């Protein structure tokens, strides 16, 4: 777990009114799951809508999403917050993270450019899971 990276993700993409609570939960081993659970059904209240760009279907191929992120300036390494223990709280190759997150069925946020670009996949309900690029203007 990289505290600074997780703080940057939360402050960049989460609504201001929930940031403190989410950070508290992320940094508490007993409550970490609560922070991720909030992204299951409440992600539209949790994440800043103005930075969410839905990836239109068909959108279930990790390679297509990888190429889309690269076109948006993604770095080859990333950091992920995820229900998937294989990538949760880890820095790894973007392609590897997407292979684990896309279609997993539960939320993941994969930070591609710290504070500026991320991939978000919500919980799968009926049909495919909602998938988004989180894009924020460059911070100076």
N, C-alpha and C. Protein backbone atom coordinates (compact mmCIF):
# COMPACT_ATOMS: atom_id res chain seq x y z
N UNK A 1 0.84 -1.18 0.00
CA UNK A 1 0.00 0.00 0.00
C UNK A 1 0.88 1.25 0.00
N UNK A 2 0.59 2.14 -0.92
CA UNK A 2 1.34 3.40 -1.00
C UNK A 2 0.39 4.52 -0.58
N UNK A 3 0.57 4.97 0.64
CA UNK A 3 -0.33 5.96 1.23
C UNK A 3 -0.42 7.24 0.38
N UNK A 4 0.72 7.74 -0.09
CA UNK A 4 0.72 8.99 -0.87
C UNK A 4 -0.06 8.83 -2.16
N UNK A 5 0.09 7.67 -2.82
CA UNK A 5 -0.61 7.42 -4.08
C UNK A 5 -2.11 7.32 -3.84
N UNK A 6 -2.50 6.64 -2.80
CA UNK A 6 -3.93 6.48 -2.51
C UNK A 6 -4.56 7.82 -2.12
N UNK A 7 -3.81 8.63 -1.40
CA UNK A 7 -4.30 9.96 -1.05
C UNK A 7 -4.49 10.81 -2.31
N UNK A 8 -3.58 10.71 -3.25
CA UNK A 8 -3.68 11.46 -4.50
C UNK A 8 -4.90 10.99 -5.32
N UNK A 9 -5.13 9.70 -5.38
CA UNK A 9 -6.29 9.16 -6.10
C UNK A 9 -7.57 9.71 -5.48
N UNK A 10 -7.68 9.64 -4.17
CA UNK A 10 -8.90 10.10 -3.48
C UNK A 10 -9.10 11.60 -3.67
N UNK A 11 -8.05 12.37 -3.48
CA UNK A 11 -8.19 13.83 -3.59
C UNK A 11 -8.43 14.28 -5.03
N UNK A 12 -8.01 13.50 -6.00
CA UNK A 12 -8.19 13.85 -7.41
C UNK A 12 -9.56 13.46 -7.95
N UNK A 13 -10.06 12.30 -7.54
CA UNK A 13 -11.25 11.76 -8.21
C UNK A 13 -12.49 11.59 -7.33
N UNK A 14 -12.35 11.69 -6.02
CA UNK A 14 -13.50 11.52 -5.13
C UNK A 14 -14.08 12.88 -4.76
N UNK A 15 -15.40 12.91 -4.56
CA UNK A 15 -16.07 14.14 -4.14
C UNK A 15 -15.48 14.61 -2.81
N UNK A 16 -15.37 15.92 -2.69
CA UNK A 16 -14.75 16.52 -1.50
C UNK A 16 -15.42 16.08 -0.20
N UNK A 17 -16.74 15.99 -0.20
CA UNK A 17 -17.46 15.66 1.03
C UNK A 17 -17.24 14.23 1.53
N UNK A 18 -16.63 13.35 0.73
CA UNK A 18 -16.38 11.98 1.19
C UNK A 18 -14.89 11.65 1.32
N UNK A 19 -14.03 12.57 0.89
CA UNK A 19 -12.59 12.28 0.87
C UNK A 19 -12.03 11.90 2.24
N UNK A 20 -12.35 12.67 3.25
CA UNK A 20 -11.80 12.40 4.58
C UNK A 20 -12.21 11.01 5.08
N UNK A 21 -13.47 10.67 4.88
CA UNK A 21 -13.99 9.37 5.33
C UNK A 21 -13.32 8.23 4.57
N UNK A 22 -13.22 8.38 3.26
CA UNK A 22 -12.61 7.33 2.43
C UNK A 22 -11.14 7.14 2.80
N UNK A 23 -10.41 8.22 3.00
CA UNK A 23 -9.00 8.11 3.39
C UNK A 23 -8.86 7.43 4.74
N UNK A 24 -9.73 7.80 5.69
CA UNK A 24 -9.71 7.16 7.01
C UNK A 24 -9.90 5.64 6.85
N UNK A 25 -10.85 5.24 6.04
CA UNK A 25 -11.11 3.82 5.85
C UNK A 25 -9.97 3.12 5.11
N UNK A 26 -9.44 3.75 4.08
CA UNK A 26 -8.34 3.13 3.33
C UNK A 26 -7.12 2.87 4.21
N UNK A 27 -6.86 3.79 5.13
CA UNK A 27 -5.65 3.68 5.95
C UNK A 27 -5.86 2.88 7.22
N UNK A 28 -7.06 2.36 7.42
CA UNK A 28 -7.36 1.51 8.56
C UNK A 28 -7.51 0.07 8.07
N UNK A 29 -6.61 -0.83 8.48
CA UNK A 29 -6.69 -2.21 7.99
C UNK A 29 -8.07 -2.85 8.22
N UNK A 30 -8.71 -2.53 9.33
CA UNK A 30 -10.02 -3.12 9.62
C UNK A 30 -11.12 -2.54 8.75
N UNK A 31 -10.95 -1.31 8.27
CA UNK A 31 -12.01 -0.62 7.53
C UNK A 31 -11.72 -0.46 6.04
N UNK A 32 -10.56 -0.91 5.59
CA UNK A 32 -10.18 -0.72 4.19
C UNK A 32 -11.25 -1.23 3.23
N UNK A 33 -11.82 -2.36 3.55
CA UNK A 33 -12.87 -2.93 2.71
C UNK A 33 -14.08 -2.04 2.57
N UNK A 34 -14.36 -1.24 3.60
CA UNK A 34 -15.50 -0.32 3.54
C UNK A 34 -15.31 0.71 2.44
N UNK A 35 -14.10 1.22 2.30
CA UNK A 35 -13.81 2.23 1.27
C UNK A 35 -14.07 1.65 -0.12
N UNK A 36 -13.60 0.44 -0.35
CA UNK A 36 -13.81 -0.20 -1.64
C UNK A 36 -15.28 -0.55 -1.85
N UNK A 37 -15.95 -0.95 -0.77
CA UNK A 37 -17.36 -1.32 -0.86
C UNK A 37 -18.22 -0.12 -1.27
N UNK A 38 -17.82 1.07 -0.88
CA UNK A 38 -18.57 2.28 -1.25
C UNK A 38 -18.62 2.46 -2.77
N UNK A 39 -17.67 1.88 -3.47
CA UNK A 39 -17.64 2.00 -4.93
C UNK A 39 -18.56 0.99 -5.63
N UNK A 40 -19.16 0.10 -4.86
CA UNK A 40 -20.06 -0.88 -5.47
C UNK A 40 -21.34 -0.22 -5.97
N UNK A 41 -22.11 0.34 -5.07
CA UNK A 41 -23.42 0.87 -5.44
C UNK A 41 -23.48 2.39 -5.40
N UNK A 42 -22.51 3.01 -4.77
CA UNK A 42 -22.56 4.46 -4.57
C UNK A 42 -21.50 5.22 -5.36
N UNK A 43 -20.89 4.59 -6.34
CA UNK A 43 -19.77 5.24 -7.02
C UNK A 43 -20.16 6.57 -7.65
N UNK A 44 -21.42 6.72 -8.08
CA UNK A 44 -21.82 7.98 -8.71
C UNK A 44 -21.90 9.12 -7.70
N UNK A 45 -22.06 8.79 -6.42
CA UNK A 45 -22.02 9.80 -5.37
C UNK A 45 -20.59 10.01 -4.86
N UNK A 46 -19.77 9.00 -5.00
CA UNK A 46 -18.42 9.02 -4.45
C UNK A 46 -17.41 9.69 -5.40
N UNK A 47 -17.54 9.43 -6.68
CA UNK A 47 -16.57 9.94 -7.65
C UNK A 47 -17.08 11.23 -8.29
N UNK A 48 -16.15 12.09 -8.66
CA UNK A 48 -16.50 13.36 -9.30
C UNK A 48 -16.98 13.10 -10.73
N UNK A 49 -18.28 13.29 -10.94
CA UNK A 49 -18.89 13.02 -12.23
C UNK A 49 -18.27 13.78 -13.38
N UNK A 50 -17.79 14.99 -13.11
CA UNK A 50 -17.21 15.80 -14.19
C UNK A 50 -15.93 15.22 -14.76
N UNK A 51 -15.33 14.26 -14.05
CA UNK A 51 -14.10 13.63 -14.53
C UNK A 51 -14.34 12.22 -15.07
N UNK A 52 -15.59 11.77 -15.06
CA UNK A 52 -15.91 10.41 -15.49
C UNK A 52 -16.34 10.40 -16.96
N UNK A 53 -15.65 9.62 -17.76
CA UNK A 53 -15.97 9.46 -19.17
C UNK A 53 -16.29 7.98 -19.38
N UNK A 54 -17.55 7.68 -19.66
CA UNK A 54 -17.95 6.28 -19.82
C UNK A 54 -17.32 5.70 -21.09
N UNK A 55 -16.83 4.48 -20.96
CA UNK A 55 -16.29 3.76 -22.11
C UNK A 55 -17.47 3.00 -22.70
N UNK A 56 -17.91 3.36 -23.91
CA UNK A 56 -19.10 2.73 -24.48
C UNK A 56 -18.87 1.26 -24.85
N UNK A 57 -19.90 0.43 -24.73
CA UNK A 57 -19.79 -0.97 -25.15
C UNK A 57 -19.54 -1.05 -26.65
N UNK A 58 -18.91 -2.08 -27.15
CA UNK A 58 -18.31 -3.15 -26.36
C UNK A 58 -17.05 -2.65 -25.66
N UNK A 59 -16.95 -2.96 -24.39
CA UNK A 59 -15.85 -2.42 -23.59
C UNK A 59 -15.26 -3.45 -22.63
N UNK A 60 -15.35 -4.71 -23.01
CA UNK A 60 -14.91 -5.76 -22.08
C UNK A 60 -13.57 -6.39 -22.44
N UNK A 61 -12.88 -5.85 -23.43
CA UNK A 61 -11.58 -6.39 -23.82
C UNK A 61 -10.47 -5.58 -23.14
N UNK A 62 -9.72 -6.21 -22.22
CA UNK A 62 -8.65 -5.49 -21.52
C UNK A 62 -7.64 -4.85 -22.47
N UNK A 63 -7.37 -5.50 -23.61
CA UNK A 63 -6.40 -4.95 -24.57
C UNK A 63 -6.93 -3.65 -25.19
N UNK A 64 -8.22 -3.62 -25.53
CA UNK A 64 -8.82 -2.40 -26.09
C UNK A 64 -8.76 -1.26 -25.08
N UNK A 65 -9.05 -1.57 -23.82
CA UNK A 65 -9.01 -0.54 -22.77
C UNK A 65 -7.57 -0.06 -22.57
N UNK A 66 -6.63 -1.00 -22.61
CA UNK A 66 -5.21 -0.66 -22.50
C UNK A 66 -4.81 0.33 -23.60
N UNK A 67 -5.18 0.03 -24.83
CA UNK A 67 -4.84 0.91 -25.95
C UNK A 67 -5.52 2.27 -25.81
N UNK A 68 -6.75 2.30 -25.35
CA UNK A 68 -7.47 3.55 -25.13
C UNK A 68 -6.75 4.40 -24.07
N UNK A 69 -6.32 3.76 -22.99
CA UNK A 69 -5.61 4.49 -21.94
C UNK A 69 -4.26 5.01 -22.44
N UNK A 70 -3.56 4.21 -23.23
CA UNK A 70 -2.28 4.66 -23.80
C UNK A 70 -2.49 5.88 -24.69
N UNK A 71 -3.57 5.88 -25.48
CA UNK A 71 -3.88 7.03 -26.35
C UNK A 71 -4.15 8.28 -25.52
N UNK A 72 -4.59 8.08 -24.27
CA UNK A 72 -4.85 9.21 -23.37
C UNK A 72 -3.63 9.56 -22.52
N UNK A 73 -2.49 8.94 -22.82
CA UNK A 73 -1.24 9.29 -22.16
C UNK A 73 -0.85 8.42 -20.99
N UNK A 74 -1.52 7.30 -20.80
CA UNK A 74 -1.21 6.41 -19.67
C UNK A 74 0.24 5.95 -19.69
N UNK A 75 0.77 5.80 -18.50
CA UNK A 75 2.10 5.23 -18.33
C UNK A 75 1.97 3.71 -18.32
N UNK A 76 3.07 3.01 -18.55
CA UNK A 76 3.02 1.54 -18.61
C UNK A 76 2.86 0.93 -17.22
N UNK A 77 3.28 1.67 -16.19
CA UNK A 77 3.12 1.20 -14.81
C UNK A 77 1.94 1.93 -14.19
N UNK A 78 1.29 1.29 -13.26
CA UNK A 78 0.12 1.88 -12.64
C UNK A 78 0.05 1.48 -11.17
N UNK A 79 -0.94 2.03 -10.50
CA UNK A 79 -1.20 1.68 -9.11
C UNK A 79 -2.69 1.38 -9.01
N UNK A 80 -3.05 0.32 -8.30
CA UNK A 80 -4.46 -0.04 -8.26
C UNK A 80 -5.03 -0.18 -6.86
N UNK A 81 -6.27 0.25 -6.76
CA UNK A 81 -7.13 0.00 -5.61
C UNK A 81 -8.19 -0.95 -6.14
N UNK A 82 -8.35 -2.11 -5.52
CA UNK A 82 -9.25 -3.09 -6.13
C UNK A 82 -9.76 -4.11 -5.12
N UNK A 83 -10.92 -4.63 -5.41
CA UNK A 83 -11.44 -5.78 -4.69
C UNK A 83 -10.60 -7.02 -5.00
N UNK A 84 -9.95 -7.02 -6.15
CA UNK A 84 -9.15 -8.17 -6.57
C UNK A 84 -7.82 -8.15 -5.82
N UNK A 85 -7.63 -9.11 -4.94
CA UNK A 85 -6.43 -9.16 -4.09
C UNK A 85 -5.13 -9.27 -4.88
N UNK A 86 -5.20 -9.78 -6.11
CA UNK A 86 -4.00 -9.92 -6.92
C UNK A 86 -3.39 -8.57 -7.29
N UNK A 87 -4.22 -7.52 -7.33
CA UNK A 87 -3.72 -6.21 -7.73
C UNK A 87 -3.96 -5.13 -6.67
N UNK A 88 -4.70 -5.43 -5.63
CA UNK A 88 -5.07 -4.47 -4.60
C UNK A 88 -3.85 -3.86 -3.91
N UNK A 89 -3.78 -2.51 -3.95
CA UNK A 89 -2.72 -1.80 -3.25
C UNK A 89 -1.34 -2.03 -3.82
N UNK A 90 -1.29 -2.35 -5.12
CA UNK A 90 0.00 -2.69 -5.73
C UNK A 90 0.32 -1.79 -6.92
N UNK A 91 1.62 -1.63 -7.13
CA UNK A 91 2.13 -0.97 -8.32
C UNK A 91 2.55 -2.09 -9.27
N UNK A 92 2.03 -2.05 -10.50
CA UNK A 92 2.33 -3.10 -11.45
C UNK A 92 2.14 -2.60 -12.87
N UNK A 93 2.39 -3.45 -13.85
CA UNK A 93 2.21 -3.07 -15.24
C UNK A 93 0.73 -2.87 -15.53
N UNK A 94 0.41 -1.83 -16.27
CA UNK A 94 -0.97 -1.50 -16.59
C UNK A 94 -1.69 -2.66 -17.26
N UNK A 95 -1.04 -3.29 -18.21
CA UNK A 95 -1.65 -4.41 -18.94
C UNK A 95 -2.03 -5.54 -17.98
N UNK A 96 -1.16 -5.81 -17.03
CA UNK A 96 -1.40 -6.86 -16.04
C UNK A 96 -2.58 -6.49 -15.13
N UNK A 97 -2.60 -5.24 -14.70
CA UNK A 97 -3.69 -4.78 -13.82
C UNK A 97 -5.03 -4.86 -14.53
N UNK A 98 -5.07 -4.43 -15.79
CA UNK A 98 -6.32 -4.48 -16.55
C UNK A 98 -6.78 -5.92 -16.78
N UNK A 99 -5.84 -6.82 -17.02
CA UNK A 99 -6.20 -8.22 -17.23
C UNK A 99 -6.91 -8.79 -15.99
N UNK A 100 -6.53 -8.31 -14.81
CA UNK A 100 -7.14 -8.78 -13.57
C UNK A 100 -8.44 -8.04 -13.24
N UNK A 101 -8.52 -6.76 -13.58
CA UNK A 101 -9.66 -5.93 -13.17
C UNK A 101 -10.85 -6.02 -14.12
N UNK A 102 -10.59 -6.02 -15.42
CA UNK A 102 -11.69 -5.99 -16.39
C UNK A 102 -12.45 -7.32 -16.33
N UNK A 103 -13.72 -7.21 -16.01
CA UNK A 103 -14.57 -8.39 -15.91
C UNK A 103 -14.51 -9.10 -14.58
N UNK A 104 -13.79 -8.57 -13.61
CA UNK A 104 -13.69 -9.21 -12.30
C UNK A 104 -15.03 -9.20 -11.57
N UNK A 105 -15.84 -8.17 -11.83
CA UNK A 105 -17.17 -8.12 -11.24
C UNK A 105 -17.31 -7.19 -10.05
N UNK A 106 -16.18 -6.73 -9.53
CA UNK A 106 -16.20 -5.81 -8.40
C UNK A 106 -15.28 -4.63 -8.71
N UNK A 107 -15.44 -3.51 -7.98
CA UNK A 107 -14.75 -2.27 -8.34
C UNK A 107 -13.22 -2.32 -8.28
N UNK A 108 -12.66 -1.55 -9.21
CA UNK A 108 -11.22 -1.29 -9.25
C UNK A 108 -11.01 0.13 -9.75
N UNK A 109 -10.01 0.80 -9.18
CA UNK A 109 -9.52 2.05 -9.73
C UNK A 109 -8.04 1.82 -10.02
N UNK A 110 -7.66 2.05 -11.27
CA UNK A 110 -6.27 1.86 -11.68
C UNK A 110 -5.74 3.23 -12.10
N UNK A 111 -4.79 3.73 -11.33
CA UNK A 111 -4.20 5.04 -11.59
C UNK A 111 -3.11 4.91 -12.65
N UNK A 112 -3.32 5.59 -13.79
CA UNK A 112 -2.40 5.50 -14.92
C UNK A 112 -1.44 6.68 -15.00
N UNK A 113 -1.91 7.87 -14.64
CA UNK A 113 -1.07 9.06 -14.47
C UNK A 113 -1.52 9.63 -13.13
N UNK A 114 -0.66 9.60 -12.12
CA UNK A 114 -1.09 10.02 -10.79
C UNK A 114 -1.80 11.37 -10.78
N UNK A 115 -3.04 11.36 -10.28
CA UNK A 115 -3.82 12.57 -10.14
C UNK A 115 -4.47 13.08 -11.41
N UNK A 116 -4.21 12.42 -12.55
CA UNK A 116 -4.73 12.93 -13.83
C UNK A 116 -5.53 11.92 -14.63
N UNK A 117 -5.13 10.65 -14.63
CA UNK A 117 -5.78 9.66 -15.47
C UNK A 117 -5.88 8.35 -14.72
N UNK A 118 -7.09 7.76 -14.76
CA UNK A 118 -7.29 6.47 -14.12
C UNK A 118 -8.38 5.71 -14.88
N UNK A 119 -8.42 4.42 -14.64
CA UNK A 119 -9.49 3.56 -15.15
C UNK A 119 -10.32 3.14 -13.96
N UNK A 120 -11.64 3.19 -14.12
CA UNK A 120 -12.53 2.74 -13.06
C UNK A 120 -13.53 1.75 -13.61
N UNK A 121 -13.66 0.63 -12.93
CA UNK A 121 -14.69 -0.35 -13.26
C UNK A 121 -15.54 -0.53 -12.01
N UNK A 122 -16.85 -0.40 -12.18
CA UNK A 122 -17.78 -0.54 -11.07
C UNK A 122 -18.16 -2.01 -10.89
N UNK A 123 -19.00 -2.25 -9.91
CA UNK A 123 -19.50 -3.60 -9.67
C UNK A 123 -20.41 -4.01 -10.81
N UNK A 124 -20.33 -5.27 -11.18
CA UNK A 124 -21.18 -5.78 -12.24
C UNK A 124 -22.56 -6.08 -11.67
N UNK A 125 -23.58 -5.51 -12.28
CA UNK A 125 -24.96 -5.81 -11.90
C UNK A 125 -25.57 -6.63 -13.01
N UNK A 126 -26.52 -6.06 -13.71
CA UNK A 126 -27.11 -6.71 -14.87
C UNK A 126 -26.29 -6.30 -16.09
N UNK A 127 -25.87 -7.26 -16.87
CA UNK A 127 -25.05 -6.96 -18.04
C UNK A 127 -23.63 -6.62 -17.62
N UNK A 128 -22.88 -6.01 -18.53
CA UNK A 128 -21.48 -5.70 -18.22
C UNK A 128 -21.37 -4.59 -17.16
N UNK A 129 -20.28 -4.62 -16.44
CA UNK A 129 -20.02 -3.60 -15.43
C UNK A 129 -19.81 -2.25 -16.10
N UNK A 130 -20.25 -1.16 -15.46
CA UNK A 130 -19.94 0.17 -16.00
C UNK A 130 -18.42 0.40 -15.94
N UNK A 131 -17.87 0.94 -17.03
CA UNK A 131 -16.44 1.18 -17.12
C UNK A 131 -16.20 2.62 -17.55
N UNK A 132 -15.21 3.25 -16.90
CA UNK A 132 -14.96 4.67 -17.13
C UNK A 132 -13.47 4.97 -17.20
N UNK A 133 -13.16 6.03 -17.94
CA UNK A 133 -11.87 6.68 -17.82
C UNK A 133 -12.11 7.84 -16.86
N UNK A 134 -11.25 8.00 -15.88
CA UNK A 134 -11.30 9.15 -15.00
C UNK A 134 -10.20 10.09 -15.49
N UNK A 135 -10.59 11.24 -15.99
CA UNK A 135 -9.62 12.18 -16.56
C UNK A 135 -9.79 13.54 -15.92
N UNK A 136 -8.71 14.01 -15.36
CA UNK A 136 -8.69 15.31 -14.70
C UNK A 136 -7.67 16.19 -15.41
N UNK A 137 -7.97 17.46 -15.59
CA UNK A 137 -6.97 18.35 -16.21
C UNK A 137 -5.65 18.32 -15.42
N UNK A 138 -4.55 18.53 -16.14
CA UNK A 138 -3.24 18.53 -15.48
C UNK A 138 -3.20 19.52 -14.33
N UNK A 139 -2.62 19.05 -13.23
CA UNK A 139 -2.46 19.90 -12.06
C UNK A 139 -1.12 20.61 -12.16
N UNK A 140 -1.09 21.89 -11.94
CA UNK A 140 0.17 22.64 -12.03
C UNK A 140 0.81 22.82 -10.68
